[in-house]
Amino acid sequence: MNPGDAPYVILTSKPGVFRTEAGEQAEIIETYDYLCGGRTRAVFSIARLSGPTRLVVTEETPPYVVNRVPSKFLDHFASIEAARRELDHLTRFGGGDTTLTRRAHPVAAEQ
């Protein structure tokens, strides 16, 4: 895969439920907090892939199952703008008291 056509993906973590960590071929570009009713419901990260990788999804409750998910199973976006549009679309579902706030520094997952 050439760096010029590196696809973008959206990684999701839900505090207290599961976290998604980027694999070796994934660079986190931006991270957003999604709040609903004043509570953080999800953390989204947009990552640029430089090649196929596996993402680590870890449950945060017993039995703490760890899954390694191939990046090919995620929706891919040709540009960061396309990934941002999808994230905006995903977080506007249902309207109501929701906000999507970009963090000053990108992070892969909350530890």
PDB file of N, CA and C in Angstrom:
ATOM      1  N   MET A   1       0.857  -1.178   0.000  1.00  0.00           N
ATOM      2  CA  MET A   1       0.000   0.000   0.000  1.00  0.00           C
ATOM      3  C   MET A   1       0.896   1.232   0.000  1.00  0.00           C
ATOM      4  N   ASN A   2       0.659   2.159  -0.909  1.00  0.00           N
ATOM      5  CA  ASN A   2       1.425   3.397  -0.967  1.00  0.00           C
ATOM      6  C   ASN A   2       0.899   4.386   0.056  1.00  0.00           C
ATOM      7  N   PRO A   3       1.793   5.152   0.718  1.00  0.00           N
ATOM      8  CA  PRO A   3       1.326   6.124   1.711  1.00  0.00           C
ATOM      9  C   PRO A   3       0.326   7.118   1.132  1.00  0.00           C
ATOM     10  N   GLY A   4       0.438   7.437  -0.146  1.00  0.00           N
ATOM     11  CA  GLY A   4      -0.471   8.398  -0.774  1.00  0.00           C
ATOM     12  C   GLY A   4      -1.910   7.919  -0.832  1.00  0.00           C
ATOM     13  N   ASP A   5      -2.111   6.570  -0.905  1.00  0.00           N
ATOM     14  CA  ASP A   5      -3.495   6.089  -0.931  1.00  0.00           C
ATOM     15  C   ASP A   5      -3.845   5.318   0.325  1.00  0.00           C
ATOM     16  N   ALA A   6      -3.230   5.703   1.435  1.00  0.00           N
ATOM     17  CA  ALA A   6      -3.535   5.050   2.710  1.00  0.00           C
ATOM     18  C   ALA A   6      -4.971   5.337   3.108  1.00  0.00           C
ATOM     19  N   PRO A   7      -5.761   4.295   3.344  1.00  0.00           N
ATOM     20  CA  PRO A   7      -7.141   4.515   3.758  1.00  0.00           C
ATOM     21  C   PRO A   7      -7.225   4.919   5.234  1.00  0.00           C
ATOM     22  N   TYR A   8      -8.319   5.517   5.556  1.00  0.00           N
ATOM     23  CA  TYR A   8      -8.601   5.926   6.927  1.00  0.00           C
ATOM     24  C   TYR A   8      -9.714   5.047   7.483  1.00  0.00           C
ATOM     25  N   VAL A   9      -9.658   4.802   8.790  1.00  0.00           N
ATOM     26  CA  VAL A   9     -10.685   4.033   9.478  1.00  0.00           C
ATOM     27  C   VAL A   9     -11.062   4.768  10.762  1.00  0.00           C
ATOM     28  N   ILE A  10     -12.212   4.424  11.309  1.00  0.00           N
ATOM     29  CA  ILE A  10     -12.666   4.992  12.575  1.00  0.00           C
ATOM     30  C   ILE A  10     -12.634   3.882  13.624  1.00  0.00           C
ATOM     31  N   LEU A  11     -11.909   4.132  14.703  1.00  0.00           N
ATOM     32  CA  LEU A  11     -11.830   3.188  15.813  1.00  0.00           C
ATOM     33  C   LEU A  11     -12.747   3.684  16.923  1.00  0.00           C
ATOM     34  N   THR A  12     -13.423   2.771  17.576  1.00  0.00           N
ATOM     35  CA  THR A  12     -14.374   3.131  18.631  1.00  0.00           C
ATOM     36  C   THR A  12     -13.992   2.466  19.949  1.00  0.00           C
ATOM     37  N   SER A  13     -14.050   3.245  21.021  1.00  0.00           N
ATOM     38  CA  SER A  13     -13.911   2.717  22.377  1.00  0.00           C
ATOM     39  C   SER A  13     -15.103   3.208  23.171  1.00  0.00           C
ATOM     40  N   LYS A  14     -15.631   2.362  24.045  1.00  0.00           N
ATOM     41  CA  LYS A  14     -16.731   2.755  24.922  1.00  0.00           C
ATOM     42  C   LYS A  14     -16.247   2.583  26.354  1.00  0.00           C
ATOM     43  N   PRO A  15     -15.993   3.714  27.048  1.00  0.00           N
ATOM     44  CA  PRO A  15     -15.465   3.643  28.414  1.00  0.00           C
ATOM     45  C   PRO A  15     -16.287   2.722  29.308  1.00  0.00           C
ATOM     46  N   GLY A  16     -15.574   1.813  30.000  1.00  0.00           N
ATOM     47  CA  GLY A  16     -16.224   0.870  30.891  1.00  0.00           C
ATOM     48  C   GLY A  16     -16.762  -0.367  30.192  1.00  0.00           C
ATOM     49  N   VAL A  17     -16.739  -0.371  28.849  1.00  0.00           N
ATOM     50  CA  VAL A  17     -17.260  -1.511  28.093  1.00  0.00           C
ATOM     51  C   VAL A  17     -16.140  -2.192  27.308  1.00  0.00           C
ATOM     52  N   PHE A  18     -15.496  -1.448  26.406  1.00  0.00           N
ATOM     53  CA  PHE A  18     -14.377  -1.984  25.633  1.00  0.00           C
ATOM     54  C   PHE A  18     -13.524  -0.841  25.124  1.00  0.00           C
ATOM     55  N   ARG A  19     -12.280  -1.181  24.764  1.00  0.00           N
ATOM     56  CA  ARG A  19     -11.397  -0.198  24.145  1.00  0.00           C
ATOM     57  C   ARG A  19     -10.769  -0.821  22.903  1.00  0.00           C
ATOM     58  N   THR A  20     -10.516   0.011  21.920  1.00  0.00           N
ATOM     59  CA  THR A  20      -9.895  -0.432  20.678  1.00  0.00           C
ATOM     60  C   THR A  20      -8.537   0.236  20.565  1.00  0.00           C
ATOM     61  N   GLU A  21      -7.523  -0.566  20.329  1.00  0.00           N
ATOM     62  CA  GLU A  21      -6.161  -0.065  20.195  1.00  0.00           C
ATOM     63  C   GLU A  21      -5.685  -0.287  18.768  1.00  0.00           C
ATOM     64  N   ALA A  22      -4.943   0.692  18.258  1.00  0.00           N
ATOM     65  CA  ALA A  22      -4.439   0.621  16.894  1.00  0.00           C
ATOM     66  C   ALA A  22      -3.337  -0.426  16.778  1.00  0.00           C
ATOM     67  N   GLY A  23      -3.261  -1.053  15.617  1.00  0.00           N
ATOM     68  CA  GLY A  23      -2.198  -2.009  15.337  1.00  0.00           C
ATOM     69  C   GLY A  23      -0.955  -1.296  14.831  1.00  0.00           C
ATOM     70  N   GLU A  24       0.059  -2.080  14.497  1.00  0.00           N
ATOM     71  CA  GLU A  24       1.344  -1.531  14.060  1.00  0.00           C
ATOM     72  C   GLU A  24       1.241  -0.662  12.812  1.00  0.00           C
ATOM     73  N   GLN A  25       0.337  -0.958  11.928  1.00  0.00           N
ATOM     74  CA  GLN A  25       0.218  -0.230  10.665  1.00  0.00           C
ATOM     75  C   GLN A  25      -0.813   0.892  10.727  1.00  0.00           C
ATOM     76  N   ALA A  26      -1.234   1.283  11.920  1.00  0.00           N
ATOM     77  CA  ALA A  26      -2.257   2.317  12.080  1.00  0.00           C
ATOM     78  C   ALA A  26      -1.701   3.488  12.874  1.00  0.00           C
ATOM     79  N   GLU A  27      -1.853   4.681  12.320  1.00  0.00           N
ATOM     80  CA  GLU A  27      -1.430   5.905  13.000  1.00  0.00           C
ATOM     81  C   GLU A  27      -2.676   6.706  13.367  1.00  0.00           C
ATOM     82  N   ILE A  28      -2.857   6.970  14.662  1.00  0.00           N
ATOM     83  CA  ILE A  28      -4.007   7.756  15.103  1.00  0.00           C
ATOM     84  C   ILE A  28      -3.776   9.214  14.708  1.00  0.00           C
ATOM     85  N   ILE A  29      -4.741   9.794  13.987  1.00  0.00           N
ATOM     86  CA  ILE A  29      -4.636  11.165  13.490  1.00  0.00           C
ATOM     87  C   ILE A  29      -5.437  12.123  14.369  1.00  0.00           C
ATOM     88  N   GLU A  30      -6.663  11.734  14.709  1.00  0.00           N
ATOM     89  CA  GLU A  30      -7.546  12.584  15.511  1.00  0.00           C
ATOM     90  C   GLU A  30      -8.337  11.717  16.481  1.00  0.00           C
ATOM     91  N   THR A  31      -8.684  12.304  17.639  1.00  0.00           N
ATOM     92  CA  THR A  31      -9.509  11.616  18.629  1.00  0.00           C
ATOM     93  C   THR A  31     -10.620  12.545  19.071  1.00  0.00           C
ATOM     94  N   TYR A  32     -11.821  11.976  19.226  1.00  0.00           N
ATOM     95  CA  TYR A  32     -13.012  12.740  19.595  1.00  0.00           C
ATOM     96  C   TYR A  32     -13.721  12.082  20.769  1.00  0.00           C
ATOM     97  N   ASP A  33     -14.266  12.901  21.648  1.00  0.00           N
ATOM     98  CA  ASP A  33     -15.135  12.419  22.721  1.00  0.00           C
ATOM     99  C   ASP A  33     -16.574  12.650  22.278  1.00  0.00           C
ATOM    100  N   TYR A  34     -17.387  11.617  22.411  1.00  0.00           N
ATOM    101  CA  TYR A  34     -18.801  11.709  22.089  1.00  0.00           C
ATOM    102  C   TYR A  34     -19.578  11.687  23.393  1.00  0.00           C
ATOM    103  N   LEU A  35     -20.245  12.795  23.700  1.00  0.00           N
ATOM    104  CA  LEU A  35     -21.018  12.918  24.933  1.00  0.00           C
ATOM    105  C   LEU A  35     -22.502  12.945  24.622  1.00  0.00           C
ATOM    106  N   CYS A  36     -23.264  12.273  25.450  1.00  0.00           N
ATOM    107  CA  CYS A  36     -24.716  12.278  25.361  1.00  0.00           C
ATOM    108  C   CYS A  36     -25.236  12.443  26.782  1.00  0.00           C
ATOM    109  N   GLY A  37     -26.060  13.453  26.979  1.00  0.00           N
ATOM    110  CA  GLY A  37     -26.582  13.707  28.315  1.00  0.00           C
ATOM    111  C   GLY A  37     -25.491  14.067  29.308  1.00  0.00           C
ATOM    112  N   GLY A  38     -24.399  14.671  28.819  1.00  0.00           N
ATOM    113  CA  GLY A  38     -23.318  15.089  29.689  1.00  0.00           C
ATOM    114  C   GLY A  38     -22.326  13.996  30.058  1.00  0.00           C
ATOM    115  N   ARG A  39     -22.541  12.765  29.566  1.00  0.00           N
ATOM    116  CA  ARG A  39     -21.655  11.629  29.853  1.00  0.00           C
ATOM    117  C   ARG A  39     -20.918  11.190  28.603  1.00  0.00           C
ATOM    118  N   THR A  40     -19.648  10.831  28.770  1.00  0.00           N
ATOM    119  CA  THR A  40     -18.896  10.305  27.632  1.00  0.00           C
ATOM    120  C   THR A  40     -19.422   8.914  27.302  1.00  0.00           C
ATOM    121  N   ARG A  41     -19.987   8.782  26.124  1.00  0.00           N
ATOM    122  CA  ARG A  41     -20.549   7.492  25.689  1.00  0.00           C
ATOM    123  C   ARG A  41     -19.579   6.703  24.826  1.00  0.00           C
ATOM    124  N   ALA A  42     -18.699   7.436  24.104  1.00  0.00           N
ATOM    125  CA  ALA A  42     -17.740   6.775  23.220  1.00  0.00           C
ATOM    126  C   ALA A  42     -16.559   7.700  22.969  1.00  0.00           C
ATOM    127  N   VAL A  43     -15.443   7.079  22.597  1.00  0.00           N
ATOM    128  CA  VAL A  43     -14.267   7.803  22.148  1.00  0.00           C
ATOM    129  C   VAL A  43     -13.969   7.267  20.753  1.00  0.00           C
ATOM    130  N   PHE A  44     -13.912   8.173  19.786  1.00  0.00           N
ATOM    131  CA  PHE A  44     -13.641   7.796  18.403  1.00  0.00           C
ATOM    132  C   PHE A  44     -12.267   8.307  18.006  1.00  0.00           C
ATOM    133  N   SER A  45     -11.510   7.477  17.305  1.00  0.00           N
ATOM    134  CA  SER A  45     -10.222   7.898  16.759  1.00  0.00           C
ATOM    135  C   SER A  45     -10.217   7.610  15.271  1.00  0.00           C
ATOM    136  N   ILE A  46      -9.750   8.580  14.513  1.00  0.00           N
ATOM    137  CA  ILE A  46      -9.552   8.378  13.074  1.00  0.00           C
ATOM    138  C   ILE A  46      -8.093   7.982  12.901  1.00  0.00           C
ATOM    139  N   ALA A  47      -7.879   6.847  12.226  1.00  0.00           N
ATOM    140  CA  ALA A  47      -6.527   6.333  12.024  1.00  0.00           C
ATOM    141  C   ALA A  47      -6.236   6.205  10.532  1.00  0.00           C
ATOM    142  N   ARG A  48      -4.985   6.435  10.176  1.00  0.00           N
ATOM    143  CA  ARG A  48      -4.524   6.221   8.800  1.00  0.00           C
ATOM    144  C   ARG A  48      -3.770   4.901   8.779  1.00  0.00           C
ATOM    145  N   LEU A  49      -4.159   4.022   7.862  1.00  0.00           N
ATOM    146  CA  LEU A  49      -3.510   2.715   7.736  1.00  0.00           C
ATOM    147  C   LEU A  49      -2.404   2.780   6.691  1.00  0.00           C
ATOM    148  N   SER A  50      -1.242   2.225   7.031  1.00  0.00           N
ATOM    149  CA  SER A  50      -0.160   2.144   6.057  1.00  0.00           C
ATOM    150  C   SER A  50      -0.029   0.724   5.509  1.00  0.00           C
ATOM    151  N   GLY A  51      -0.911  -0.146   5.965  1.00  0.00           N
ATOM    152  CA  GLY A  51      -0.939  -1.523   5.499  1.00  0.00           C
ATOM    153  C   GLY A  51      -1.951  -2.294   6.325  1.00  0.00           C
ATOM    154  N   PRO A  52      -2.231  -3.524   5.937  1.00  0.00           N
ATOM    155  CA  PRO A  52      -3.162  -4.337   6.708  1.00  0.00           C
ATOM    156  C   PRO A  52      -2.633  -4.529   8.131  1.00  0.00           C
ATOM    157  N   THR A  53      -3.521  -4.533   9.092  1.00  0.00           N
ATOM    158  CA  THR A  53      -3.125  -4.705  10.482  1.00  0.00           C
ATOM    159  C   THR A  53      -4.259  -5.358  11.252  1.00  0.00           C
ATOM    160  N   ARG A  54      -4.000  -5.657  12.490  1.00  0.00           N
ATOM    161  CA  ARG A  54      -5.030  -6.151  13.394  1.00  0.00           C
ATOM    162  C   ARG A  54      -5.196  -5.138  14.512  1.00  0.00           C
ATOM    163  N   LEU A  55      -6.421  -4.848  14.828  1.00  0.00           N
ATOM    164  CA  LEU A  55      -6.749  -3.934  15.912  1.00  0.00           C
ATOM    165  C   LEU A  55      -7.092  -4.769  17.132  1.00  0.00           C
ATOM    166  N   VAL A  56      -6.682  -4.323  18.291  1.00  0.00           N
ATOM    167  CA  VAL A  56      -6.920  -5.065  19.516  1.00  0.00           C
ATOM    168  C   VAL A  56      -8.131  -4.457  20.224  1.00  0.00           C
ATOM    169  N   VAL A  57      -9.177  -5.262  20.388  1.00  0.00           N
ATOM    170  CA  VAL A  57     -10.389  -4.834  21.079  1.00  0.00           C
ATOM    171  C   VAL A  57     -10.449  -5.613  22.384  1.00  0.00           C
ATOM    172  N   THR A  58     -10.401  -4.874  23.503  1.00  0.00           N
ATOM    173  CA  THR A  58     -10.348  -5.491  24.822  1.00  0.00           C
ATOM    174  C   THR A  58     -11.582  -5.111  25.625  1.00  0.00           C
ATOM    175  N   GLU A  59     -12.283  -6.107  26.108  1.00  0.00           N
ATOM    176  CA  GLU A  59     -13.427  -5.850  26.987  1.00  0.00           C
ATOM    177  C   GLU A  59     -12.910  -5.358  28.328  1.00  0.00           C
ATOM    178  N   GLU A  60     -13.621  -4.408  28.926  1.00  0.00           N
ATOM    179  CA  GLU A  60     -13.186  -3.830  30.197  1.00  0.00           C
ATOM    180  C   GLU A  60     -13.945  -4.389  31.391  1.00  0.00           C
ATOM    181  N   THR A  61     -14.683  -5.460  31.168  1.00  0.00           N
ATOM    182  CA  THR A  61     -15.375  -6.152  32.256  1.00  0.00           C
ATOM    183  C   THR A  61     -15.041  -7.640  32.145  1.00  0.00           C
ATOM    184  N   PRO A  62     -15.103  -8.355  33.262  1.00  0.00           N
ATOM    185  CA  PRO A  62     -14.791  -9.789  33.230  1.00  0.00           C
ATOM    186  C   PRO A  62     -15.656 -10.502  32.193  1.00  0.00           C
ATOM    187  N   PRO A  63     -15.096 -11.399  31.463  1.00  0.00           N
ATOM    188  CA  PRO A  63     -13.796 -12.047  31.586  1.00  0.00           C
ATOM    189  C   PRO A  63     -12.668 -11.345  30.814  1.00  0.00           C
ATOM    190  N   TYR A  64     -12.798 -10.081  30.466  1.00  0.00           N
ATOM    191  CA  TYR A  64     -11.751  -9.293  29.798  1.00  0.00           C
ATOM    192  C   TYR A  64     -11.279  -9.948  28.503  1.00  0.00           C
ATOM    193  N   VAL A  65     -12.205 -10.303  27.656  1.00  0.00           N
ATOM    194  CA  VAL A  65     -11.887 -10.946  26.383  1.00  0.00           C
ATOM    195  C   VAL A  65     -11.123  -9.976  25.492  1.00  0.00           C
ATOM    196  N   VAL A  66     -10.096 -10.488  24.823  1.00  0.00           N
ATOM    197  CA  VAL A  66      -9.298  -9.706  23.888  1.00  0.00           C
ATOM    198  C   VAL A  66      -9.491 -10.294  22.497  1.00  0.00           C
ATOM    199  N   ASN A  67      -9.879  -9.455  21.554  1.00  0.00           N
ATOM    200  CA  ASN A  67     -10.041  -9.873  20.158  1.00  0.00           C
ATOM    201  C   ASN A  67      -9.068  -9.097  19.294  1.00  0.00           C
ATOM    202  N   ARG A  68      -8.492  -9.759  18.309  1.00  0.00           N
ATOM    203  CA  ARG A  68      -7.619  -9.106  17.332  1.00  0.00           C
ATOM    204  C   ARG A  68      -8.357  -9.121  16.007  1.00  0.00           C
ATOM    205  N   VAL A  69      -8.860  -7.944  15.631  1.00  0.00           N
ATOM    206  CA  VAL A  69      -9.744  -7.816  14.473  1.00  0.00           C
ATOM    207  C   VAL A  69      -8.956  -7.301  13.271  1.00  0.00           C
ATOM    208  N   PRO A  70      -8.951  -8.033  12.146  1.00  0.00           N
ATOM    209  CA  PRO A  70      -8.268  -7.540  10.949  1.00  0.00           C
ATOM    210  C   PRO A  70      -8.890  -6.226  10.468  1.00  0.00           C
ATOM    211  N   SER A  71      -8.043  -5.285  10.084  1.00  0.00           N
ATOM    212  CA  SER A  71      -8.524  -3.973   9.641  1.00  0.00           C
ATOM    213  C   SER A  71      -9.396  -4.072   8.388  1.00  0.00           C
ATOM    214  N   LYS A  72      -9.288  -5.146   7.642  1.00  0.00           N
ATOM    215  CA  LYS A  72     -10.102  -5.290   6.431  1.00  0.00           C
ATOM    216  C   LYS A  72     -11.602  -5.335   6.747  1.00  0.00           C
ATOM    217  N   PHE A  73     -11.961  -5.625   7.998  1.00  0.00           N
ATOM    218  CA  PHE A  73     -13.368  -5.698   8.366  1.00  0.00           C
ATOM    219  C   PHE A  73     -13.967  -4.343   8.739  1.00  0.00           C
ATOM    220  N   LEU A  74     -13.147  -3.303   8.801  1.00  0.00           N
ATOM    221  CA  LEU A  74     -13.645  -1.960   9.116  1.00  0.00           C
ATOM    222  C   LEU A  74     -14.001  -1.219   7.834  1.00  0.00           C
ATOM    223  N   ASP A  75     -14.919  -0.259   7.948  1.00  0.00           N
ATOM    224  CA  ASP A  75     -15.185   0.629   6.822  1.00  0.00           C
ATOM    225  C   ASP A  75     -13.943   1.473   6.586  1.00  0.00           C
ATOM    226  N   HIS A  76     -13.565   1.616   5.320  1.00  0.00           N
ATOM    227  CA  HIS A  76     -12.400   2.413   4.945  1.00  0.00           C
ATOM    228  C   HIS A  76     -12.866   3.679   4.229  1.00  0.00           C
ATOM    229  N   PHE A  77     -12.123   4.745   4.425  1.00  0.00           N
ATOM    230  CA  PHE A  77     -12.447   6.034   3.816  1.00  0.00           C
ATOM    231  C   PHE A  77     -11.226   6.526   3.056  1.00  0.00           C
ATOM    232  N   ALA A  78     -11.452   7.094   1.882  1.00  0.00           N
ATOM    233  CA  ALA A  78     -10.354   7.525   1.010  1.00  0.00           C
ATOM    234  C   ALA A  78      -9.624   8.748   1.534  1.00  0.00           C
ATOM    235  N   SER A  79     -10.276   9.528   2.383  1.00  0.00           N
ATOM    236  CA  SER A  79      -9.649  10.749   2.904  1.00  0.00           C
ATOM    237  C   SER A  79     -10.069  10.963   4.349  1.00  0.00           C
ATOM    238  N   ILE A  80      -9.312  11.794   5.039  1.00  0.00           N
ATOM    239  CA  ILE A  80      -9.678  12.111   6.420  1.00  0.00           C
ATOM    240  C   ILE A  80     -10.986  12.886   6.454  1.00  0.00           C
ATOM    241  N   GLU A  81     -11.240  13.692   5.427  1.00  0.00           N
ATOM    242  CA  GLU A  81     -12.501  14.438   5.361  1.00  0.00           C
ATOM    243  C   GLU A  81     -13.694  13.491   5.266  1.00  0.00           C
ATOM    244  N   ALA A  82     -13.541  12.427   4.484  1.00  0.00           N
ATOM    245  CA  ALA A  82     -14.628  11.440   4.362  1.00  0.00           C
ATOM    246  C   ALA A  82     -14.856  10.736   5.705  1.00  0.00           C
ATOM    247  N   ALA A  83     -13.789  10.424   6.431  1.00  0.00           N
ATOM    248  CA  ALA A  83     -13.925   9.797   7.753  1.00  0.00           C
ATOM    249  C   ALA A  83     -14.610  10.761   8.722  1.00  0.00           C
ATOM    250  N   ARG A  84     -14.263  12.049   8.651  1.00  0.00           N
ATOM    251  CA  ARG A  84     -14.906  13.044   9.519  1.00  0.00           C
ATOM    252  C   ARG A  84     -16.398  13.159   9.217  1.00  0.00           C
ATOM    253  N   ARG A  85     -16.756  13.143   7.933  1.00  0.00           N
ATOM    254  CA  ARG A  85     -18.178  13.214   7.558  1.00  0.00           C
ATOM    255  C   ARG A  85     -18.943  12.017   8.112  1.00  0.00           C
ATOM    256  N   GLU A  86     -18.346  10.831   8.013  1.00  0.00           N
ATOM    257  CA  GLU A  86     -18.996   9.626   8.540  1.00  0.00           C
ATOM    258  C   GLU A  86     -19.144   9.719  10.055  1.00  0.00           C
ATOM    259  N   LEU A  87     -18.121  10.182  10.732  1.00  0.00           N
ATOM    260  CA  LEU A  87     -18.185  10.333  12.183  1.00  0.00           C
ATOM    261  C   LEU A  87     -19.270  11.332  12.569  1.00  0.00           C
ATOM    262  N   ASP A  88     -19.362  12.424  11.842  1.00  0.00           N
ATOM    263  CA  ASP A  88     -20.406  13.409  12.089  1.00  0.00           C
ATOM    264  C   ASP A  88     -21.786  12.786  11.891  1.00  0.00           C
ATOM    265  N   HIS A  89     -21.927  12.003  10.835  1.00  0.00           N
ATOM    266  CA  HIS A  89     -23.200  11.318  10.554  1.00  0.00           C
ATOM    267  C   HIS A  89     -23.541  10.333  11.678  1.00  0.00           C
ATOM    268  N   LEU A  90     -22.569   9.548  12.107  1.00  0.00           N
ATOM    269  CA  LEU A  90     -22.797   8.552  13.161  1.00  0.00           C
ATOM    270  C   LEU A  90     -23.222   9.181  14.481  1.00  0.00           C
ATOM    271  N   THR A  91     -22.675  10.342  14.786  1.00  0.00           N
ATOM    272  CA  THR A  91     -22.925  10.947  16.088  1.00  0.00           C
ATOM    273  C   THR A  91     -24.128  11.877  16.103  1.00  0.00           C
ATOM    274  N   ARG A  92     -24.750  12.083  14.978  1.00  0.00           N
ATOM    275  CA  ARG A  92     -25.955  12.914  14.935  1.00  0.00           C
ATOM    276  C   ARG A  92     -27.226  12.064  15.004  1.00  0.00           C
ATOM    277  N   PHE A  93     -27.076  10.757  15.066  1.00  0.00           N
ATOM    278  CA  PHE A  93     -28.211   9.848  15.097  1.00  0.00           C
ATOM    279  C   PHE A  93     -29.093  10.149  16.305  1.00  0.00           C
ATOM    280  N   GLY A  94     -30.345  10.381  16.069  1.00  0.00           N
ATOM    281  CA  GLY A  94     -31.297  10.594  17.150  1.00  0.00           C
ATOM    282  C   GLY A  94     -31.350  12.006  17.695  1.00  0.00           C
ATOM    283  N   GLY A  95     -30.392  12.861  17.283  1.00  0.00           N
ATOM    284  CA  GLY A  95     -30.398  14.246  17.766  1.00  0.00           C
ATOM    285  C   GLY A  95     -30.234  14.300  19.270  1.00  0.00           C
ATOM    286  N   GLY A  96     -30.920  15.253  19.904  1.00  0.00           N
ATOM    287  CA  GLY A  96     -30.877  15.347  21.359  1.00  0.00           C
ATOM    288  C   GLY A  96     -29.647  16.042  21.884  1.00  0.00           C
ATOM    289  N   ASP A  97     -29.348  15.772  23.134  1.00  0.00           N
ATOM    290  CA  ASP A  97     -28.272  16.418  23.872  1.00  0.00           C
ATOM    291  C   ASP A  97     -26.949  15.690  23.640  1.00  0.00           C
ATOM    292  N   THR A  98     -26.380  15.819  22.437  1.00  0.00           N
ATOM    293  CA  THR A  98     -25.121  15.153  22.112  1.00  0.00           C
ATOM    294  C   THR A  98     -24.087  16.158  21.637  1.00  0.00           C
ATOM    295  N   THR A  99     -22.824  15.873  21.927  1.00  0.00           N
ATOM    296  CA  THR A  99     -21.724  16.693  21.422  1.00  0.00           C
ATOM    297  C   THR A  99     -20.580  15.784  21.007  1.00  0.00           C
ATOM    298  N   LEU A 100     -19.844  16.241  20.015  1.00  0.00           N
ATOM    299  CA  LEU A 100     -18.649  15.557  19.538  1.00  0.00           C
ATOM    300  C   LEU A 100     -17.525  16.581  19.622  1.00  0.00           C
ATOM    301  N   THR A 101     -16.536  16.313  20.473  1.00  0.00           N
ATOM    302  CA  THR A 101     -15.470  17.269  20.723  1.00  0.00           C
ATOM    303  C   THR A 101     -14.121  16.658  20.382  1.00  0.00           C
ATOM    304  N   ARG A 102     -13.379  17.357  19.521  1.00  0.00           N
ATOM    305  CA  ARG A 102     -12.044  16.881  19.144  1.00  0.00           C
ATOM    306  C   ARG A 102     -11.062  17.182  20.277  1.00  0.00           C
ATOM    307  N   ARG A 103     -10.245  16.192  20.609  1.00  0.00           N
ATOM    308  CA  ARG A 103      -9.210  16.363  21.624  1.00  0.00           C
ATOM    309  C   ARG A 103      -8.009  17.086  21.012  1.00  0.00           C
ATOM    310  N   ALA A 104      -7.278  17.786  21.853  1.00  0.00           N
ATOM    311  CA  ALA A 104      -6.080  18.498  21.398  1.00  0.00           C
ATOM    312  C   ALA A 104      -5.003  17.522  20.936  1.00  0.00           C
ATOM    313  N   HIS A 105      -4.945  16.328  21.560  1.00  0.00           N
ATOM    314  CA  HIS A 105      -3.925  15.341  21.218  1.00  0.00           C
ATOM    315  C   HIS A 105      -4.595  14.003  20.955  1.00  0.00           C
ATOM    316  N   PRO A 106      -4.300  13.369  19.820  1.00  0.00           N
ATOM    317  CA  PRO A 106      -4.903  12.072  19.509  1.00  0.00           C
ATOM    318  C   PRO A 106      -4.377  10.978  20.432  1.00  0.00           C
ATOM    319  N   VAL A 107      -5.257  10.033  20.767  1.00  0.00           N
ATOM    320  CA  VAL A 107      -4.875   8.867  21.568  1.00  0.00           C
ATOM    321  C   VAL A 107      -5.514   7.627  20.955  1.00  0.00           C
ATOM    322  N   ALA A 108      -4.844   6.504  21.142  1.00  0.00           N
ATOM    323  CA  ALA A 108      -5.328   5.255  20.565  1.00  0.00           C
ATOM    324  C   ALA A 108      -6.474   4.656  21.363  1.00  0.00           C
ATOM    325  N   ALA A 109      -6.376   4.687  22.681  1.00  0.00           N
ATOM    326  CA  ALA A 109      -7.427   4.115  23.529  1.00  0.00           C
ATOM    327  C   ALA A 109      -7.203   4.593  24.951  1.00  0.00           C
ATOM    328  N   GLU A 110      -8.286   4.642  25.686  1.00  0.00           N
ATOM    329  CA  GLU A 110      -8.200   5.003  27.107  1.00  0.00           C
ATOM    330  C   GLU A 110      -7.718   3.774  27.856  1.00  0.00           C
ATOM    331  N   GLN A 111      -6.738   3.918  28.689  1.00  0.00           N
ATOM    332  CA  GLN A 111      -6.222   2.804  29.479  1.00  0.00           C
ATOM    333  C   GLN A 111      -6.785   2.882  30.867  1.00  0.00           C
TER     334      GLN A 111
END
